[in-house]
Amino acid sequence: TPFVLRWEIDNATSLTPGKVESAVFHWGGFEWKGSLRPREEDNDRFDYALSCEKKKWTDWKCKANVEFLVHRAASKGDYSKKALTTFDEHRNCSDFGYSNWSNLKNPNCSCILNNKITMEFSIGIISAVDGHKLIPIDLSNFCSPIEHNNVTLIIGDKKLRVSKDYLSVHSPLFAAMFFGDFTEKGKGEVKFKDVIYVEFLDLLQLIFHVQFSGIDSTLPHIL
């Protein structure tokens, strides 16, 4: 489902040449922002622009279908433009049309309604790469013969050797499972259903303080 960034600029007739930006919208793991971007070669002209950021990341890329719309007077009809756009750390802004600052002073300016400029960017992400280099998982932390690991968790056809005590300190669920009145109490092997192995590994890495860098895609299942 596309995300719609709707931006209303109040007091439009009072705008003066210079970059005007919307608030930041967070969607799809990226930061999106609309802007009126002045052209360096023409002081009276600006572009309607959309920027996409992935701050503190390198080698990221976002490919999206973008439909841009500026609401105008009924006699003119709305202005719209569609484009397949690729954003990355080197090109994080794309233009979707232009106008002139002097036009905004014209009382008959078609893009100003009730002293507002209203525009929308409908953004449908096709593909996204966050550029994060995944740190190889060191499974030696969850395998025998580490002396404190005293229970085996079975997820599908995988087995992980962990410490009941350590997990119980960090989770009331594990405390109840291993030391409460659950059937798992006292068992040397515990089978988990409806658990995704790689997602559970992310959780174990956090609990056991293994080197780990979470990315946007891991946060929901960890929480």
N, C-alpha and C. Protein backbone atom coordinates (compact mmCIF):
# COMPACT_ATOMS: atom_id res chain seq x y z
N THR A 1 0.84 -1.19 0.00
CA THR A 1 0.00 0.00 0.00
C THR A 1 0.88 1.24 0.00
N PRO A 2 0.68 2.14 -0.96
CA PRO A 2 1.50 3.36 -0.98
C PRO A 2 1.27 4.23 0.25
N PHE A 3 2.31 4.93 0.61
CA PHE A 3 2.24 5.90 1.69
C PHE A 3 2.05 7.28 1.06
N VAL A 4 1.14 8.08 1.62
CA VAL A 4 0.87 9.41 1.07
C VAL A 4 1.42 10.47 2.01
N LEU A 5 2.38 11.23 1.51
CA LEU A 5 2.92 12.37 2.25
C LEU A 5 2.14 13.60 1.78
N ARG A 6 1.29 14.10 2.65
CA ARG A 6 0.48 15.29 2.33
C ARG A 6 1.08 16.49 3.07
N TRP A 7 1.33 17.54 2.31
CA TRP A 7 2.00 18.72 2.88
C TRP A 7 1.21 19.97 2.53
N GLU A 8 0.82 20.71 3.55
CA GLU A 8 0.12 21.98 3.37
C GLU A 8 1.02 23.11 3.84
N ILE A 9 1.24 24.08 2.97
CA ILE A 9 2.07 25.24 3.31
C ILE A 9 1.14 26.43 3.55
N ASP A 10 1.07 26.89 4.78
CA ASP A 10 0.22 28.03 5.13
C ASP A 10 0.88 29.35 4.72
N ASN A 11 0.06 30.38 4.65
CA ASN A 11 0.56 31.73 4.32
C ASN A 11 1.42 31.71 3.06
N ALA A 12 0.93 31.04 2.05
CA ALA A 12 1.72 30.82 0.84
C ALA A 12 2.09 32.13 0.14
N THR A 13 1.20 33.13 0.21
CA THR A 13 1.49 34.38 -0.48
C THR A 13 2.62 35.16 0.19
N SER A 14 2.99 34.73 1.41
CA SER A 14 4.07 35.42 2.13
C SER A 14 5.42 34.75 1.94
N LEU A 15 5.46 33.65 1.18
CA LEU A 15 6.72 32.93 0.99
C LEU A 15 7.72 33.80 0.24
N THR A 16 8.96 33.71 0.65
CA THR A 16 10.05 34.41 -0.02
C THR A 16 11.05 33.38 -0.53
N PRO A 17 11.85 33.73 -1.54
CA PRO A 17 12.82 32.77 -2.09
C PRO A 17 13.71 32.17 -1.00
N GLY A 18 13.86 30.88 -1.05
CA GLY A 18 14.64 30.15 -0.06
C GLY A 18 14.04 28.78 0.12
N LYS A 19 14.81 27.86 0.60
CA LYS A 19 14.34 26.49 0.73
C LYS A 19 13.25 26.39 1.79
N VAL A 20 12.14 25.76 1.42
CA VAL A 20 11.02 25.52 2.33
C VAL A 20 10.84 24.01 2.43
N GLU A 21 10.78 23.49 3.66
CA GLU A 21 10.73 22.04 3.85
C GLU A 21 9.55 21.64 4.72
N SER A 22 9.05 20.46 4.46
CA SER A 22 7.99 19.89 5.29
C SER A 22 8.59 19.25 6.53
N ALA A 23 7.73 18.76 7.40
CA ALA A 23 8.19 17.93 8.51
C ALA A 23 8.72 16.61 7.93
N VAL A 24 9.42 15.86 8.76
CA VAL A 24 9.96 14.57 8.34
C VAL A 24 8.90 13.49 8.57
N PHE A 25 8.68 12.67 7.57
CA PHE A 25 7.75 11.55 7.66
C PHE A 25 8.55 10.25 7.65
N HIS A 26 8.29 9.38 8.60
CA HIS A 26 9.01 8.10 8.70
C HIS A 26 8.13 6.99 8.12
N TRP A 27 8.66 6.33 7.13
CA TRP A 27 7.91 5.22 6.53
C TRP A 27 8.87 4.30 5.78
N GLY A 28 8.63 2.99 5.93
CA GLY A 28 9.43 2.00 5.21
C GLY A 28 10.88 1.96 5.61
N GLY A 29 11.20 2.48 6.83
CA GLY A 29 12.59 2.50 7.28
C GLY A 29 13.38 3.70 6.76
N PHE A 30 12.70 4.65 6.09
CA PHE A 30 13.37 5.82 5.55
C PHE A 30 12.72 7.10 6.08
N GLU A 31 13.42 8.21 5.92
CA GLU A 31 12.90 9.52 6.28
C GLU A 31 12.55 10.28 5.00
N TRP A 32 11.30 10.71 4.90
CA TRP A 32 10.80 11.37 3.69
C TRP A 32 10.47 12.83 4.01
N LYS A 33 10.73 13.70 3.04
CA LYS A 33 10.49 15.12 3.27
C LYS A 33 10.22 15.82 1.94
N GLY A 34 9.17 16.65 1.92
CA GLY A 34 8.89 17.46 0.75
C GLY A 34 9.59 18.80 0.88
N SER A 35 9.83 19.46 -0.26
CA SER A 35 10.48 20.77 -0.19
C SER A 35 10.18 21.58 -1.44
N LEU A 36 10.28 22.90 -1.28
CA LEU A 36 10.35 23.83 -2.40
C LEU A 36 11.82 24.20 -2.49
N ARG A 37 12.48 23.72 -3.54
CA ARG A 37 13.93 23.84 -3.62
C ARG A 37 14.33 24.89 -4.65
N PRO A 38 14.98 25.99 -4.22
CA PRO A 38 15.38 27.04 -5.16
C PRO A 38 16.40 26.52 -6.17
N ARG A 39 16.33 27.03 -7.37
CA ARG A 39 17.32 26.70 -8.38
C ARG A 39 18.46 27.70 -8.32
N GLU A 40 19.67 27.20 -8.36
CA GLU A 40 20.83 28.07 -8.25
C GLU A 40 20.97 28.99 -9.46
N GLU A 41 20.59 28.48 -10.65
CA GLU A 41 20.79 29.25 -11.87
C GLU A 41 19.65 30.23 -12.14
N ASP A 42 18.57 30.16 -11.38
CA ASP A 42 17.43 31.04 -11.61
C ASP A 42 16.83 31.38 -10.25
N ASN A 43 17.06 32.58 -9.78
CA ASN A 43 16.63 32.98 -8.45
C ASN A 43 15.12 33.01 -8.27
N ASP A 44 14.38 33.08 -9.38
CA ASP A 44 12.93 33.17 -9.26
C ASP A 44 12.24 31.82 -9.36
N ARG A 45 12.99 30.79 -9.66
CA ARG A 45 12.37 29.49 -9.90
C ARG A 45 12.68 28.51 -8.77
N PHE A 46 11.71 27.66 -8.45
CA PHE A 46 11.93 26.59 -7.47
C PHE A 46 11.33 25.30 -7.98
N ASP A 47 11.83 24.20 -7.46
CA ASP A 47 11.33 22.86 -7.81
C ASP A 47 10.53 22.28 -6.67
N TYR A 48 9.47 21.58 -7.02
CA TYR A 48 8.78 20.74 -6.05
C TYR A 48 9.60 19.46 -5.91
N ALA A 49 10.10 19.19 -4.73
CA ALA A 49 11.05 18.08 -4.58
C ALA A 49 10.66 17.15 -3.44
N LEU A 50 11.10 15.93 -3.57
CA LEU A 50 10.92 14.92 -2.53
C LEU A 50 12.29 14.35 -2.19
N SER A 51 12.61 14.29 -0.90
CA SER A 51 13.89 13.70 -0.49
C SER A 51 13.65 12.46 0.35
N CYS A 52 14.61 11.56 0.27
CA CYS A 52 14.57 10.30 1.01
C CYS A 52 15.93 10.14 1.68
N GLU A 53 15.92 9.85 2.96
CA GLU A 53 17.18 9.74 3.72
C GLU A 53 17.21 8.44 4.52
N LYS A 54 18.42 7.95 4.69
CA LYS A 54 18.69 6.83 5.60
C LYS A 54 19.92 7.24 6.38
N LYS A 55 19.72 8.09 7.37
CA LYS A 55 20.84 8.70 8.08
C LYS A 55 21.65 7.66 8.84
N LYS A 56 22.95 7.91 8.90
CA LYS A 56 23.91 7.05 9.60
C LYS A 56 24.07 5.69 8.94
N TRP A 57 23.67 5.61 7.67
CA TRP A 57 23.83 4.38 6.91
C TRP A 57 24.59 4.69 5.63
N THR A 58 25.27 3.71 5.10
CA THR A 58 25.95 3.86 3.83
C THR A 58 25.45 2.79 2.87
N ASP A 59 25.61 3.06 1.58
CA ASP A 59 25.24 2.11 0.53
C ASP A 59 23.76 1.74 0.53
N TRP A 60 22.92 2.63 1.07
CA TRP A 60 21.49 2.34 1.05
C TRP A 60 20.89 2.76 -0.29
N LYS A 61 19.75 2.17 -0.61
CA LYS A 61 19.07 2.50 -1.86
C LYS A 61 17.58 2.21 -1.70
N CYS A 62 16.76 3.08 -2.27
CA CYS A 62 15.32 2.90 -2.24
C CYS A 62 14.75 3.20 -3.62
N LYS A 63 14.08 2.22 -4.19
CA LYS A 63 13.45 2.37 -5.49
C LYS A 63 11.94 2.44 -5.27
N ALA A 64 11.31 3.49 -5.79
CA ALA A 64 9.89 3.70 -5.49
C ALA A 64 9.15 4.31 -6.68
N ASN A 65 7.87 3.94 -6.79
CA ASN A 65 6.97 4.64 -7.69
C ASN A 65 6.42 5.84 -6.94
N VAL A 66 6.59 7.02 -7.48
CA VAL A 66 6.14 8.25 -6.83
C VAL A 66 5.14 8.96 -7.73
N GLU A 67 3.99 9.28 -7.17
CA GLU A 67 3.01 10.10 -7.88
C GLU A 67 2.88 11.42 -7.13
N PHE A 68 3.19 12.50 -7.81
CA PHE A 68 3.18 13.83 -7.21
C PHE A 68 1.92 14.58 -7.66
N LEU A 69 1.31 15.32 -6.73
CA LEU A 69 0.09 16.05 -7.03
C LEU A 69 0.11 17.40 -6.32
N VAL A 70 -0.19 18.46 -7.08
CA VAL A 70 -0.40 19.79 -6.50
C VAL A 70 -1.84 20.18 -6.76
N HIS A 71 -2.56 20.48 -5.69
CA HIS A 71 -3.95 20.91 -5.86
C HIS A 71 -3.99 22.32 -6.42
N ARG A 72 -4.82 22.50 -7.46
CA ARG A 72 -4.94 23.82 -8.09
C ARG A 72 -6.42 24.18 -8.25
N ALA A 73 -6.66 25.38 -8.64
CA ALA A 73 -8.03 25.85 -8.86
C ALA A 73 -8.72 24.95 -9.88
N ALA A 74 -10.03 24.80 -9.71
CA ALA A 74 -10.79 23.90 -10.57
C ALA A 74 -10.64 24.25 -12.04
N SER A 75 -10.51 25.53 -12.33
CA SER A 75 -10.40 25.94 -13.73
C SER A 75 -9.12 25.45 -14.39
N LYS A 76 -8.10 25.22 -13.59
CA LYS A 76 -6.80 24.72 -14.09
C LYS A 76 -6.69 23.21 -13.99
N GLY A 77 -7.27 22.66 -12.94
CA GLY A 77 -7.10 21.24 -12.69
C GLY A 77 -5.81 20.96 -11.95
N ASP A 78 -5.79 19.90 -11.17
CA ASP A 78 -4.60 19.55 -10.39
C ASP A 78 -3.45 19.19 -11.32
N TYR A 79 -2.25 19.55 -10.88
CA TYR A 79 -1.04 19.14 -11.61
C TYR A 79 -0.54 17.84 -11.00
N SER A 80 -0.20 16.88 -11.84
CA SER A 80 0.32 15.61 -11.32
C SER A 80 1.44 15.08 -12.21
N LYS A 81 2.27 14.28 -11.62
CA LYS A 81 3.37 13.67 -12.35
C LYS A 81 3.71 12.34 -11.68
N LYS A 82 3.94 11.31 -12.47
CA LYS A 82 4.34 10.00 -11.97
C LYS A 82 5.76 9.70 -12.42
N ALA A 83 6.52 9.07 -11.55
CA ALA A 83 7.90 8.73 -11.92
C ALA A 83 8.38 7.54 -11.10
N LEU A 84 9.14 6.69 -11.77
CA LEU A 84 9.87 5.62 -11.07
C LEU A 84 11.20 6.23 -10.64
N THR A 85 11.41 6.30 -9.34
CA THR A 85 12.55 7.06 -8.81
C THR A 85 13.43 6.18 -7.93
N THR A 86 14.72 6.35 -8.06
CA THR A 86 15.68 5.64 -7.21
C THR A 86 16.43 6.66 -6.36
N PHE A 87 16.35 6.48 -5.05
CA PHE A 87 17.08 7.33 -4.11
C PHE A 87 18.23 6.54 -3.53
N ASP A 88 19.35 7.20 -3.29
CA ASP A 88 20.45 6.57 -2.57
C ASP A 88 21.24 7.66 -1.86
N GLU A 89 22.35 7.28 -1.22
CA GLU A 89 23.10 8.25 -0.42
C GLU A 89 23.72 9.35 -1.27
N HIS A 90 23.87 9.10 -2.58
CA HIS A 90 24.48 10.10 -3.47
C HIS A 90 23.42 10.96 -4.16
N ARG A 91 22.23 10.42 -4.34
CA ARG A 91 21.14 11.16 -4.97
C ARG A 91 19.88 10.92 -4.14
N ASN A 92 19.70 11.76 -3.14
CA ASN A 92 18.61 11.53 -2.20
C ASN A 92 17.44 12.48 -2.39
N CYS A 93 17.42 13.20 -3.52
CA CYS A 93 16.34 14.15 -3.76
C CYS A 93 15.95 14.11 -5.24
N SER A 94 14.64 14.20 -5.50
CA SER A 94 14.18 14.17 -6.88
C SER A 94 13.13 15.26 -7.09
N ASP A 95 13.13 15.89 -8.29
CA ASP A 95 12.21 16.98 -8.59
C ASP A 95 11.00 16.48 -9.37
N PHE A 96 9.84 17.10 -9.11
CA PHE A 96 8.60 16.65 -9.76
C PHE A 96 7.83 17.80 -10.41
N GLY A 97 8.47 18.90 -10.62
CA GLY A 97 7.82 20.04 -11.24
C GLY A 97 8.44 21.32 -10.73
N TYR A 98 8.02 22.44 -11.30
CA TYR A 98 8.62 23.70 -10.86
C TYR A 98 7.59 24.82 -10.94
N SER A 99 7.92 25.93 -10.30
CA SER A 99 7.11 27.15 -10.37
C SER A 99 8.04 28.32 -10.08
N ASN A 100 7.46 29.50 -9.99
CA ASN A 100 8.24 30.71 -9.73
C ASN A 100 7.77 31.38 -8.45
N TRP A 101 8.73 31.91 -7.71
CA TRP A 101 8.38 32.62 -6.48
C TRP A 101 7.48 33.81 -6.79
N SER A 102 7.74 34.48 -7.90
CA SER A 102 6.93 35.66 -8.24
C SER A 102 5.48 35.29 -8.50
N ASN A 103 5.24 34.06 -8.98
CA ASN A 103 3.85 33.62 -9.23
C ASN A 103 3.04 33.58 -7.94
N LEU A 104 3.73 33.28 -6.83
CA LEU A 104 3.03 33.14 -5.56
C LEU A 104 2.45 34.47 -5.09
N LYS A 105 2.97 35.56 -5.60
CA LYS A 105 2.46 36.88 -5.23
C LYS A 105 1.24 37.28 -6.05
N ASN A 106 1.01 36.53 -7.10
CA ASN A 106 -0.13 36.81 -7.98
C ASN A 106 -1.42 36.33 -7.32
N PRO A 107 -2.38 37.22 -7.10
CA PRO A 107 -3.63 36.80 -6.44
C PRO A 107 -4.40 35.76 -7.23
N ASN A 108 -4.08 35.61 -8.51
CA ASN A 108 -4.75 34.61 -9.34
C ASN A 108 -3.93 33.32 -9.49
N CYS A 109 -2.91 33.17 -8.67
CA CYS A 109 -2.07 31.97 -8.74
C CYS A 109 -2.92 30.73 -8.49
N SER A 110 -2.93 29.82 -9.46
CA SER A 110 -3.85 28.68 -9.39
C SER A 110 -3.47 27.66 -8.32
N CYS A 111 -2.20 27.64 -7.90
CA CYS A 111 -1.79 26.62 -6.93
C CYS A 111 -1.99 27.06 -5.48
N ILE A 112 -2.48 28.29 -5.29
CA ILE A 112 -2.75 28.77 -3.93
C ILE A 112 -4.26 28.82 -3.72
N LEU A 113 -4.72 27.99 -2.80
CA LEU A 113 -6.14 27.95 -2.45
C LEU A 113 -6.28 28.25 -0.97
N ASN A 114 -7.06 29.26 -0.65
CA ASN A 114 -7.22 29.69 0.75
C ASN A 114 -5.87 30.00 1.40
N ASN A 115 -5.01 30.62 0.61
CA ASN A 115 -3.67 31.01 1.06
C ASN A 115 -2.81 29.82 1.46
N LYS A 116 -3.07 28.68 0.84
CA LYS A 116 -2.29 27.46 1.10
C LYS A 116 -1.84 26.83 -0.20
N ILE A 117 -0.67 26.23 -0.15
CA ILE A 117 -0.24 25.32 -1.22
C ILE A 117 -0.36 23.91 -0.64
N THR A 118 -1.10 23.07 -1.33
CA THR A 118 -1.30 21.69 -0.85
C THR A 118 -0.77 20.72 -1.89
N MET A 119 0.13 19.87 -1.46
CA MET A 119 0.71 18.88 -2.37
C MET A 119 0.74 17.52 -1.70
N GLU A 120 0.79 16.51 -2.53
CA GLU A 120 0.84 15.13 -2.04
C GLU A 120 1.88 14.34 -2.84
N PHE A 121 2.61 13.51 -2.13
CA PHE A 121 3.51 12.54 -2.74
C PHE A 121 3.01 11.15 -2.35
N SER A 122 2.54 10.39 -3.32
CA SER A 122 2.13 9.01 -3.05
C SER A 122 3.32 8.11 -3.38
N ILE A 123 3.84 7.42 -2.37
CA ILE A 123 5.11 6.70 -2.49
C ILE A 123 4.88 5.20 -2.31
N GLY A 124 5.20 4.45 -3.33
CA GLY A 124 5.11 2.99 -3.26
C GLY A 124 6.48 2.38 -3.42
N ILE A 125 7.04 1.88 -2.33
CA ILE A 125 8.39 1.31 -2.38
C ILE A 125 8.38 -0.02 -3.13
N ILE A 126 9.25 -0.12 -4.11
CA ILE A 126 9.39 -1.36 -4.88
C ILE A 126 10.47 -2.25 -4.27
N SER A 127 11.59 -1.63 -3.95
CA SER A 127 12.69 -2.38 -3.33
C SER A 127 13.50 -1.43 -2.48
N ALA A 128 14.12 -1.97 -1.44
CA ALA A 128 14.92 -1.14 -0.54
C ALA A 128 16.10 -1.94 -0.03
N VAL A 129 17.26 -1.29 0.00
CA VAL A 129 18.47 -1.89 0.55
C VAL A 129 19.00 -0.93 1.60
N ASP A 130 19.13 -1.39 2.83
CA ASP A 130 19.57 -0.48 3.89
C ASP A 130 21.09 -0.37 3.96
N GLY A 131 21.80 -1.22 3.23
CA GLY A 131 23.26 -1.13 3.18
C GLY A 131 23.96 -1.70 4.40
N HIS A 132 23.22 -2.22 5.36
CA HIS A 132 23.83 -2.74 6.57
C HIS A 132 24.52 -4.07 6.29
N LYS A 133 25.76 -4.17 6.69
CA LYS A 133 26.49 -5.43 6.56
C LYS A 133 26.18 -6.29 7.78
N LEU A 134 25.47 -7.35 7.57
CA LEU A 134 25.10 -8.20 8.70
C LEU A 134 26.34 -8.84 9.33
N ILE A 135 26.41 -8.78 10.62
CA ILE A 135 27.51 -9.41 11.34
C ILE A 135 27.27 -10.91 11.41
N PRO A 136 28.22 -11.73 10.98
CA PRO A 136 28.01 -13.19 11.03
C PRO A 136 27.65 -13.64 12.45
N ILE A 137 26.66 -14.50 12.54
CA ILE A 137 26.22 -15.00 13.83
C ILE A 137 27.19 -16.05 14.34
N ASP A 138 27.68 -15.87 15.55
CA ASP A 138 28.60 -16.82 16.17
C ASP A 138 27.80 -17.82 16.98
N LEU A 139 27.53 -18.98 16.37
CA LEU A 139 26.69 -19.98 17.04
C LEU A 139 27.43 -20.72 18.15
N SER A 140 28.73 -20.46 18.31
CA SER A 140 29.47 -21.13 19.38
C SER A 140 28.93 -20.76 20.75
N ASN A 141 28.27 -19.60 20.84
CA ASN A 141 27.68 -19.19 22.11
C ASN A 141 26.49 -20.06 22.50
N PHE A 142 25.90 -20.74 21.52
CA PHE A 142 24.68 -21.50 21.77
C PHE A 142 24.85 -22.98 21.45
N CYS A 143 26.07 -23.46 21.59
CA CYS A 143 26.35 -24.87 21.33
C CYS A 143 27.12 -25.46 22.51
N SER A 144 27.02 -26.75 22.68
CA SER A 144 27.83 -27.44 23.68
C SER A 144 29.29 -27.32 23.26
N PRO A 145 30.25 -27.43 24.15
CA PRO A 145 30.09 -27.82 25.55
C PRO A 145 30.24 -26.68 26.56
N ILE A 146 29.69 -25.47 26.28
CA ILE A 146 29.77 -24.40 27.27
C ILE A 146 29.08 -24.87 28.55
N GLU A 147 29.80 -24.83 29.66
CA GLU A 147 29.36 -25.52 30.87
C GLU A 147 28.05 -24.99 31.45
N HIS A 148 27.74 -23.72 31.25
CA HIS A 148 26.53 -23.17 31.85
C HIS A 148 25.28 -23.39 30.99
N ASN A 149 25.47 -23.86 29.76
CA ASN A 149 24.31 -24.15 28.92
C ASN A 149 23.71 -25.49 29.34
N ASN A 150 22.48 -25.46 29.81
CA ASN A 150 21.91 -26.67 30.41
C ASN A 150 20.54 -27.06 29.85
N VAL A 151 20.16 -26.46 28.72
CA VAL A 151 18.91 -26.88 28.07
C VAL A 151 19.06 -26.66 26.57
N THR A 152 18.42 -27.50 25.79
CA THR A 152 18.46 -27.39 24.33
C THR A 152 17.09 -26.93 23.82
N LEU A 153 17.09 -25.86 23.08
CA LEU A 153 15.86 -25.36 22.46
C LEU A 153 15.81 -25.87 21.03
N ILE A 154 14.69 -26.45 20.66
CA ILE A 154 14.53 -27.01 19.32
C ILE A 154 13.55 -26.14 18.55
N ILE A 155 14.02 -25.59 17.43
CA ILE A 155 13.19 -24.76 16.56
C ILE A 155 13.27 -25.35 15.16
N GLY A 156 12.20 -26.00 14.74
CA GLY A 156 12.23 -26.71 13.47
C GLY A 156 13.24 -27.84 13.55
N ASP A 157 14.22 -27.84 12.63
CA ASP A 157 15.27 -28.87 12.66
C ASP A 157 16.57 -28.33 13.26
N LYS A 158 16.50 -27.15 13.90
CA LYS A 158 17.67 -26.54 14.51
C LYS A 158 17.65 -26.74 16.03
N LYS A 159 18.86 -26.82 16.61
CA LYS A 159 18.98 -26.95 18.06
C LYS A 159 19.93 -25.87 18.59
N LEU A 160 19.51 -25.25 19.68
CA LEU A 160 20.32 -24.21 20.32
C LEU A 160 20.51 -24.58 21.78
N ARG A 161 21.75 -24.57 22.21
CA ARG A 161 22.08 -24.93 23.60
C ARG A 161 22.24 -23.63 24.39
N VAL A 162 21.43 -23.45 25.42
CA VAL A 162 21.42 -22.18 26.16
C VAL A 162 21.34 -22.44 27.67
N SER A 163 21.46 -21.36 28.42
CA SER A 163 21.38 -21.42 29.88
C SER A 163 19.98 -21.05 30.35
N LYS A 164 19.33 -21.98 31.06
CA LYS A 164 18.01 -21.70 31.61
C LYS A 164 18.05 -20.50 32.55
N ASP A 165 19.06 -20.49 33.41
CA ASP A 165 19.15 -19.46 34.43
C ASP A 165 19.30 -18.08 33.81
N TYR A 166 20.16 -17.98 32.79
CA TYR A 166 20.43 -16.69 32.20
C TYR A 166 19.20 -16.18 31.45
N LEU A 167 18.53 -17.06 30.71
CA LEU A 167 17.32 -16.65 30.01
C LEU A 167 16.23 -16.24 31.00
N SER A 168 16.15 -16.94 32.12
CA SER A 168 15.11 -16.65 33.11
C SER A 168 15.32 -15.30 33.77
N VAL A 169 16.57 -14.88 33.93
CA VAL A 169 16.85 -13.57 34.51
C VAL A 169 16.31 -12.46 33.59
N HIS A 170 16.36 -12.70 32.28
CA HIS A 170 15.98 -11.67 31.32
C HIS A 170 14.53 -11.77 30.86
N SER A 171 13.83 -12.85 31.20
CA SER A 171 12.47 -13.00 30.69
C SER A 171 11.58 -13.75 31.68
N PRO A 172 10.49 -13.12 32.14
CA PRO A 172 9.54 -13.81 33.01
C PRO A 172 8.94 -15.04 32.34
N LEU A 173 8.82 -15.00 31.03
CA LEU A 173 8.29 -16.15 30.31
C LEU A 173 9.20 -17.36 30.46
N PHE A 174 10.50 -17.16 30.26
CA PHE A 174 11.43 -18.27 30.42
C PHE A 174 11.52 -18.71 31.87
N ALA A 175 11.43 -17.76 32.80
CA ALA A 175 11.47 -18.12 34.22
C ALA A 175 10.30 -19.04 34.56
N ALA A 176 9.11 -18.71 34.06
CA ALA A 176 7.94 -19.54 34.32
C ALA A 176 8.06 -20.89 33.62
N MET A 177 8.61 -20.88 32.42
CA MET A 177 8.73 -22.11 31.64
C MET A 177 9.70 -23.10 32.28
N PHE A 178 10.84 -22.59 32.75
CA PHE A 178 11.88 -23.49 33.26
C PHE A 178 11.79 -23.76 34.76
N PHE A 179 11.17 -22.84 35.50
CA PHE A 179 11.17 -23.00 36.96
C PHE A 179 9.77 -22.90 37.57
N GLY A 180 8.75 -22.80 36.72
CA GLY A 180 7.38 -22.75 37.21
C GLY A 180 6.72 -24.10 37.09
N ASP A 181 5.41 -24.08 36.91
CA ASP A 181 4.64 -25.33 36.84
C ASP A 181 4.33 -25.73 35.40
N PHE A 182 5.15 -25.31 34.48
CA PHE A 182 4.95 -25.68 33.08
C PHE A 182 5.54 -27.07 32.82
N THR A 183 5.07 -27.70 31.76
CA THR A 183 5.55 -29.06 31.43
C THR A 183 7.02 -29.05 31.03
N GLU A 184 7.53 -27.89 30.61
CA GLU A 184 8.93 -27.82 30.18
C GLU A 184 9.91 -27.90 31.36
N LYS A 185 9.43 -27.69 32.57
CA LYS A 185 10.30 -27.70 33.74
C LYS A 185 11.02 -29.05 33.87
N GLY A 186 12.32 -29.01 34.00
CA GLY A 186 13.10 -30.23 34.20
C GLY A 186 13.47 -30.95 32.93
N LYS A 187 12.95 -30.51 31.79
CA LYS A 187 13.28 -31.17 30.53
C LYS A 187 14.63 -30.70 30.02
N GLY A 188 15.36 -31.61 29.38
CA GLY A 188 16.65 -31.25 28.79
C GLY A 188 16.51 -30.65 27.41
N GLU A 189 15.35 -30.90 26.77
CA GLU A 189 15.08 -30.33 25.46
C GLU A 189 13.66 -29.75 25.45
N VAL A 190 13.56 -28.58 24.87
CA VAL A 190 12.26 -27.90 24.79
C VAL A 190 12.03 -27.50 23.33
N LYS A 191 10.89 -27.93 22.80
CA LYS A 191 10.56 -27.64 21.41
C LYS A 191 9.66 -26.41 21.34
N PHE A 192 10.04 -25.48 20.46
CA PHE A 192 9.25 -24.27 20.23
C PHE A 192 8.49 -24.39 18.91
N LYS A 193 7.23 -24.03 18.94
CA LYS A 193 6.42 -23.97 17.72
C LYS A 193 6.11 -22.51 17.40
N ASP A 194 5.81 -22.27 16.14
CA ASP A 194 5.44 -20.91 15.69
C ASP A 194 6.51 -19.89 16.00
N VAL A 195 7.77 -20.31 15.96
CA VAL A 195 8.91 -19.41 16.17
C VAL A 195 9.82 -19.51 14.96
N ILE A 196 10.26 -18.37 14.45
CA ILE A 196 11.17 -18.34 13.31
C ILE A 196 12.62 -18.35 13.82
N TYR A 197 13.37 -19.31 13.38
CA TYR A 197 14.72 -19.55 13.90
C TYR A 197 15.62 -18.32 13.86
N VAL A 198 15.72 -17.67 12.68
CA VAL A 198 16.65 -16.54 12.56
C VAL A 198 16.20 -15.36 13.42
N GLU A 199 14.88 -15.20 13.60
CA GLU A 199 14.39 -14.12 14.45
C GLU A 199 14.69 -14.41 15.92
N PHE A 200 14.59 -15.67 16.31
CA PHE A 200 14.90 -16.04 17.69
C PHE A 200 16.39 -15.88 17.96
N LEU A 201 17.23 -16.12 16.96
CA LEU A 201 18.67 -15.90 17.12
C LEU A 201 18.97 -14.44 17.41
N ASP A 202 18.25 -13.53 16.75
CA ASP A 202 18.44 -12.10 17.02
C ASP A 202 18.18 -11.80 18.49
N LEU A 203 17.11 -12.39 19.03
CA LEU A 203 16.78 -12.17 20.44
C LEU A 203 17.87 -12.73 21.34
N LEU A 204 18.35 -13.93 21.04
CA LEU A 204 19.41 -14.53 21.87
C LEU A 204 20.68 -13.69 21.85
N GLN A 205 20.99 -13.13 20.68
CA GLN A 205 22.20 -12.32 20.59
C GLN A 205 22.11 -11.08 21.48
N LEU A 206 20.92 -10.51 21.58
CA LEU A 206 20.74 -9.37 22.47
C LEU A 206 20.86 -9.79 23.93
N ILE A 207 20.19 -10.88 24.28
CA ILE A 207 20.20 -11.33 25.67
C ILE A 207 21.60 -11.74 26.12
N PHE A 208 22.33 -12.42 25.24
CA PHE A 208 23.65 -12.92 25.60
C PHE A 208 24.77 -11.93 25.29
N HIS A 209 24.39 -10.70 24.91
CA HIS A 209 25.37 -9.63 24.66
C HIS A 209 26.38 -10.00 23.58
N VAL A 210 25.92 -10.75 22.59
CA VAL A 210 26.77 -11.04 21.44
C VAL A 210 26.79 -9.78 20.57
N GLN A 211 27.90 -9.52 19.86
CA GLN A 211 27.98 -8.36 18.99
C GLN A 211 26.82 -8.38 18.01
N PHE A 212 26.05 -7.30 18.02
CA PHE A 212 24.84 -7.29 17.22
C PHE A 212 24.47 -5.86 16.91
N SER A 213 24.11 -5.60 15.66
CA SER A 213 23.62 -4.28 15.28
C SER A 213 22.24 -4.44 14.69
N GLY A 214 21.23 -4.00 15.42
CA GLY A 214 19.86 -4.11 14.95
C GLY A 214 19.60 -3.16 13.80
N ILE A 215 18.76 -3.57 12.87
CA ILE A 215 18.33 -2.70 11.78
C ILE A 215 16.81 -2.64 11.83
N ASP A 216 16.25 -1.74 11.05
CA ASP A 216 14.81 -1.52 11.12
C ASP A 216 14.01 -2.78 10.95
N SER A 217 14.46 -3.66 10.06
CA SER A 217 13.69 -4.87 9.78
C SER A 217 13.70 -5.87 10.94
N THR A 218 14.67 -5.77 11.86
CA THR A 218 14.72 -6.71 12.98
C THR A 218 13.95 -6.22 14.20
N LEU A 219 13.76 -4.91 14.30
CA LEU A 219 13.17 -4.37 15.52
C LEU A 219 11.77 -4.89 15.84
N PRO A 220 10.86 -4.99 14.85
CA PRO A 220 9.52 -5.46 15.20
C PRO A 220 9.49 -6.84 15.83
N HIS A 221 10.23 -7.82 15.25
CA HIS A 221 10.13 -9.16 15.83
C HIS A 221 10.88 -9.26 17.16
N ILE A 222 11.91 -8.43 17.36
CA ILE A 222 12.60 -8.43 18.66
C ILE A 222 11.68 -7.87 19.73
N LEU A 223 10.99 -6.78 19.41
CA LEU A 223 10.05 -6.21 20.39
C LEU A 223 8.92 -7.19 20.70
